[in-house]
Amino acid sequence: MVALIVGLVFVLFAVYSVLPVEWSLQWGTYVLDFLRGGVPIVALFIGLIAILIGIADIKDKIEARKEEEEEAAEAKE
């Protein structure tokens, strides 16, 4: 219950701080600047993670083929 209340308070503060009205903090432009600067960095990290996952997948497939060939060779003997 406490987590729900804290979550609601933070969401309300976030909405209040970016509203384009006189009585709010009017941080909307700063938030947009932050998002514009952060998107390329997030894209870089996602790309690096995808590359690492792809390399690991290729290595796993090569290893699986080797194991299948070894099992086939053992079965023939």
N, C-alpha and C. Protein backbone atom coordinates (compact mmCIF):
# COMPACT_ATOMS: atom_id res chain seq x y z
N MET A 1 0.82 -1.19 0.00
CA MET A 1 0.00 0.00 0.00
C MET A 1 0.87 1.26 0.00
N VAL A 2 1.94 1.21 0.75
CA VAL A 2 2.85 2.36 0.82
C VAL A 2 3.49 2.59 -0.55
N ALA A 3 3.87 1.51 -1.22
CA ALA A 3 4.49 1.64 -2.54
C ALA A 3 3.51 2.28 -3.53
N LEU A 4 2.24 1.94 -3.44
CA LEU A 4 1.23 2.51 -4.32
C LEU A 4 1.11 4.01 -4.09
N ILE A 5 1.07 4.42 -2.84
CA ILE A 5 0.96 5.85 -2.51
C ILE A 5 2.20 6.60 -2.98
N VAL A 6 3.37 6.05 -2.71
CA VAL A 6 4.62 6.69 -3.14
C VAL A 6 4.65 6.79 -4.66
N GLY A 7 4.24 5.74 -5.34
CA GLY A 7 4.20 5.76 -6.80
C GLY A 7 3.26 6.84 -7.32
N LEU A 8 2.09 6.96 -6.73
CA LEU A 8 1.15 8.00 -7.15
C LEU A 8 1.70 9.39 -6.91
N VAL A 9 2.37 9.60 -5.78
CA VAL A 9 2.97 10.90 -5.49
C VAL A 9 4.01 11.25 -6.54
N PHE A 10 4.87 10.30 -6.88
CA PHE A 10 5.91 10.56 -7.88
C PHE A 10 5.32 10.82 -9.26
N VAL A 11 4.28 10.08 -9.64
CA VAL A 11 3.64 10.32 -10.94
C VAL A 11 2.99 11.70 -10.96
N LEU A 12 2.31 12.05 -9.91
CA LEU A 12 1.69 13.37 -9.85
C LEU A 12 2.72 14.49 -9.89
N PHE A 13 3.84 14.31 -9.20
CA PHE A 13 4.90 15.31 -9.23
C PHE A 13 5.48 15.43 -10.64
N ALA A 14 5.67 14.31 -11.31
CA ALA A 14 6.23 14.33 -12.67
C ALA A 14 5.28 15.07 -13.61
N VAL A 15 4.00 14.79 -13.52
CA VAL A 15 3.04 15.47 -14.38
C VAL A 15 3.00 16.95 -14.04
N TYR A 16 2.98 17.28 -12.76
CA TYR A 16 2.96 18.69 -12.33
C TYR A 16 4.19 19.45 -12.82
N SER A 17 5.33 18.82 -12.78
CA SER A 17 6.56 19.53 -13.12
C SER A 17 6.72 19.80 -14.61
N VAL A 18 6.02 19.08 -15.47
CA VAL A 18 6.15 19.31 -16.91
C VAL A 18 4.94 19.98 -17.54
N LEU A 19 3.95 20.31 -16.75
CA LEU A 19 2.77 20.97 -17.31
C LEU A 19 3.12 22.36 -17.84
N PRO A 20 2.59 22.72 -18.99
CA PRO A 20 2.89 24.05 -19.55
C PRO A 20 1.93 25.14 -19.06
N VAL A 21 1.77 25.25 -17.76
CA VAL A 21 0.91 26.29 -17.18
C VAL A 21 1.75 27.13 -16.22
N GLU A 22 1.23 28.30 -15.87
CA GLU A 22 1.99 29.25 -15.05
C GLU A 22 2.30 28.72 -13.65
N TRP A 23 1.41 27.95 -13.08
CA TRP A 23 1.56 27.53 -11.69
C TRP A 23 2.39 26.26 -11.51
N SER A 24 2.94 25.72 -12.59
CA SER A 24 3.78 24.52 -12.45
C SER A 24 5.25 24.89 -12.56
N LEU A 25 6.11 23.90 -12.40
CA LEU A 25 7.56 24.15 -12.47
C LEU A 25 8.05 24.39 -13.89
N GLN A 26 7.29 23.95 -14.88
CA GLN A 26 7.58 24.13 -16.31
C GLN A 26 8.95 23.58 -16.69
N TRP A 27 9.18 22.34 -16.34
CA TRP A 27 10.43 21.67 -16.68
C TRP A 27 10.32 20.91 -17.98
N GLY A 28 9.26 21.11 -18.72
CA GLY A 28 9.01 20.34 -19.94
C GLY A 28 10.15 20.43 -20.94
N THR A 29 10.69 21.63 -21.16
CA THR A 29 11.78 21.77 -22.13
C THR A 29 13.03 21.04 -21.67
N TYR A 30 13.28 21.07 -20.36
CA TYR A 30 14.46 20.37 -19.84
C TYR A 30 14.30 18.86 -19.97
N VAL A 31 13.09 18.39 -19.74
CA VAL A 31 12.82 16.95 -19.88
C VAL A 31 13.01 16.53 -21.34
N LEU A 32 12.52 17.34 -22.27
CA LEU A 32 12.69 17.01 -23.68
C LEU A 32 14.16 17.04 -24.09
N ASP A 33 14.92 18.00 -23.57
CA ASP A 33 16.36 18.04 -23.85
C ASP A 33 17.05 16.79 -23.32
N PHE A 34 16.67 16.37 -22.12
CA PHE A 34 17.24 15.16 -21.54
C PHE A 34 16.92 13.94 -22.38
N LEU A 35 15.67 13.84 -22.82
CA LEU A 35 15.27 12.70 -23.65
C LEU A 35 15.99 12.72 -25.00
N ARG A 36 16.13 13.89 -25.58
CA ARG A 36 16.85 13.98 -26.87
C ARG A 36 18.30 13.55 -26.71
N GLY A 37 18.91 13.90 -25.61
CA GLY A 37 20.30 13.50 -25.38
C GLY A 37 20.44 12.05 -24.98
N GLY A 38 19.41 11.51 -24.34
CA GLY A 38 19.49 10.15 -23.84
C GLY A 38 19.15 9.09 -24.86
N VAL A 39 18.35 9.42 -25.85
CA VAL A 39 17.91 8.43 -26.83
C VAL A 39 19.09 7.82 -27.59
N PRO A 40 20.06 8.61 -28.08
CA PRO A 40 21.19 7.97 -28.77
C PRO A 40 22.02 7.06 -27.86
N ILE A 41 22.15 7.43 -26.62
CA ILE A 41 22.92 6.60 -25.69
C ILE A 41 22.19 5.29 -25.42
N VAL A 42 20.89 5.36 -25.23
CA VAL A 42 20.09 4.14 -25.02
C VAL A 42 20.15 3.27 -26.27
N ALA A 43 20.07 3.90 -27.45
CA ALA A 43 20.15 3.13 -28.70
C ALA A 43 21.51 2.45 -28.81
N LEU A 44 22.57 3.13 -28.40
CA LEU A 44 23.91 2.54 -28.43
C LEU A 44 23.97 1.31 -27.53
N PHE A 45 23.47 1.42 -26.30
CA PHE A 45 23.51 0.28 -25.39
C PHE A 45 22.66 -0.88 -25.90
N ILE A 46 21.49 -0.59 -26.45
CA ILE A 46 20.64 -1.65 -26.99
C ILE A 46 21.34 -2.34 -28.16
N GLY A 47 21.99 -1.54 -29.01
CA GLY A 47 22.72 -2.12 -30.14
C GLY A 47 23.86 -3.00 -29.69
N LEU A 48 24.62 -2.54 -28.69
CA LEU A 48 25.74 -3.36 -28.18
C LEU A 48 25.24 -4.65 -27.56
N ILE A 49 24.16 -4.57 -26.82
CA ILE A 49 23.60 -5.78 -26.21
C ILE A 49 23.12 -6.74 -27.30
N ALA A 50 22.48 -6.21 -28.34
CA ALA A 50 22.01 -7.06 -29.44
C ALA A 50 23.17 -7.73 -30.14
N ILE A 51 24.26 -7.00 -30.35
CA ILE A 51 25.45 -7.59 -30.99
C ILE A 51 26.01 -8.71 -30.12
N LEU A 52 26.12 -8.48 -28.83
CA LEU A 52 26.65 -9.51 -27.93
C LEU A 52 25.76 -10.74 -27.90
N ILE A 53 24.45 -10.53 -27.90
CA ILE A 53 23.52 -11.67 -27.92
C ILE A 53 23.66 -12.43 -29.23
N GLY A 54 23.81 -11.71 -30.35
CA GLY A 54 23.98 -12.36 -31.65
C GLY A 54 25.25 -13.19 -31.71
N ILE A 55 26.34 -12.66 -31.18
CA ILE A 55 27.61 -13.41 -31.16
C ILE A 55 27.47 -14.66 -30.30
N ALA A 56 26.85 -14.52 -29.15
CA ALA A 56 26.66 -15.68 -28.27
C ALA A 56 25.77 -16.73 -28.94
N ASP A 57 24.77 -16.29 -29.68
CA ASP A 57 23.88 -17.22 -30.38
C ASP A 57 24.65 -17.99 -31.45
N ILE A 58 25.49 -17.28 -32.21
CA ILE A 58 26.29 -17.95 -33.23
C ILE A 58 27.23 -18.97 -32.60
N LYS A 59 27.88 -18.61 -31.50
CA LYS A 59 28.77 -19.54 -30.81
C LYS A 59 28.00 -20.77 -30.32
N ASP A 60 26.80 -20.57 -29.79
CA ASP A 60 26.00 -21.69 -29.32
C ASP A 60 25.62 -22.63 -30.47
N LYS A 61 25.28 -22.05 -31.62
CA LYS A 61 24.93 -22.89 -32.77
C LYS A 61 26.12 -23.71 -33.25
N ILE A 62 27.29 -23.09 -33.29
CA ILE A 62 28.51 -23.80 -33.70
C ILE A 62 28.81 -24.93 -32.72
N GLU A 63 28.68 -24.65 -31.43
CA GLU A 63 28.93 -25.68 -30.42
C GLU A 63 27.92 -26.81 -30.53
N ALA A 64 26.66 -26.49 -30.80
CA ALA A 64 25.63 -27.53 -30.93
C ALA A 64 25.91 -28.41 -32.14
N ARG A 65 26.37 -27.82 -33.24
CA ARG A 65 26.72 -28.61 -34.42
C ARG A 65 27.87 -29.56 -34.12
N LYS A 66 28.88 -29.06 -33.39
CA LYS A 66 30.01 -29.91 -33.03
C LYS A 66 29.56 -31.08 -32.18
N GLU A 67 28.68 -30.82 -31.22
CA GLU A 67 28.19 -31.89 -30.35
C GLU A 67 27.38 -32.91 -31.16
N GLU A 68 26.56 -32.44 -32.10
CA GLU A 68 25.79 -33.36 -32.93
C GLU A 68 26.71 -34.22 -33.79
N GLU A 69 27.75 -33.62 -34.34
CA GLU A 69 28.71 -34.38 -35.16
C GLU A 69 29.43 -35.41 -34.31
N GLU A 70 29.81 -35.05 -33.08
CA GLU A 70 30.47 -36.00 -32.19
C GLU A 70 29.54 -37.15 -31.84
N GLU A 71 28.26 -36.84 -31.56
CA GLU A 71 27.31 -37.89 -31.24
C GLU A 71 27.09 -38.81 -32.45
N ALA A 72 27.03 -38.22 -33.64
CA ALA A 72 26.85 -39.02 -34.84
C ALA A 72 28.06 -39.91 -35.07
N ALA A 73 29.24 -39.40 -34.81
CA ALA A 73 30.47 -40.19 -34.98
C ALA A 73 30.51 -41.34 -33.96
N GLU A 74 30.08 -41.07 -32.74
CA GLU A 74 30.05 -42.11 -31.71
C GLU A 74 29.00 -43.16 -32.04
N ALA A 75 27.91 -42.75 -32.61
CA ALA A 75 26.84 -43.70 -32.94
C ALA A 75 27.27 -44.65 -34.07
N LYS A 76 28.12 -44.16 -34.97
CA LYS A 76 28.59 -45.00 -36.06
C LYS A 76 29.58 -46.05 -35.58
N GLU A 77 30.26 -45.77 -34.51
CA GLU A 77 31.27 -46.71 -34.00
C GLU A 77 30.64 -47.78 -33.23
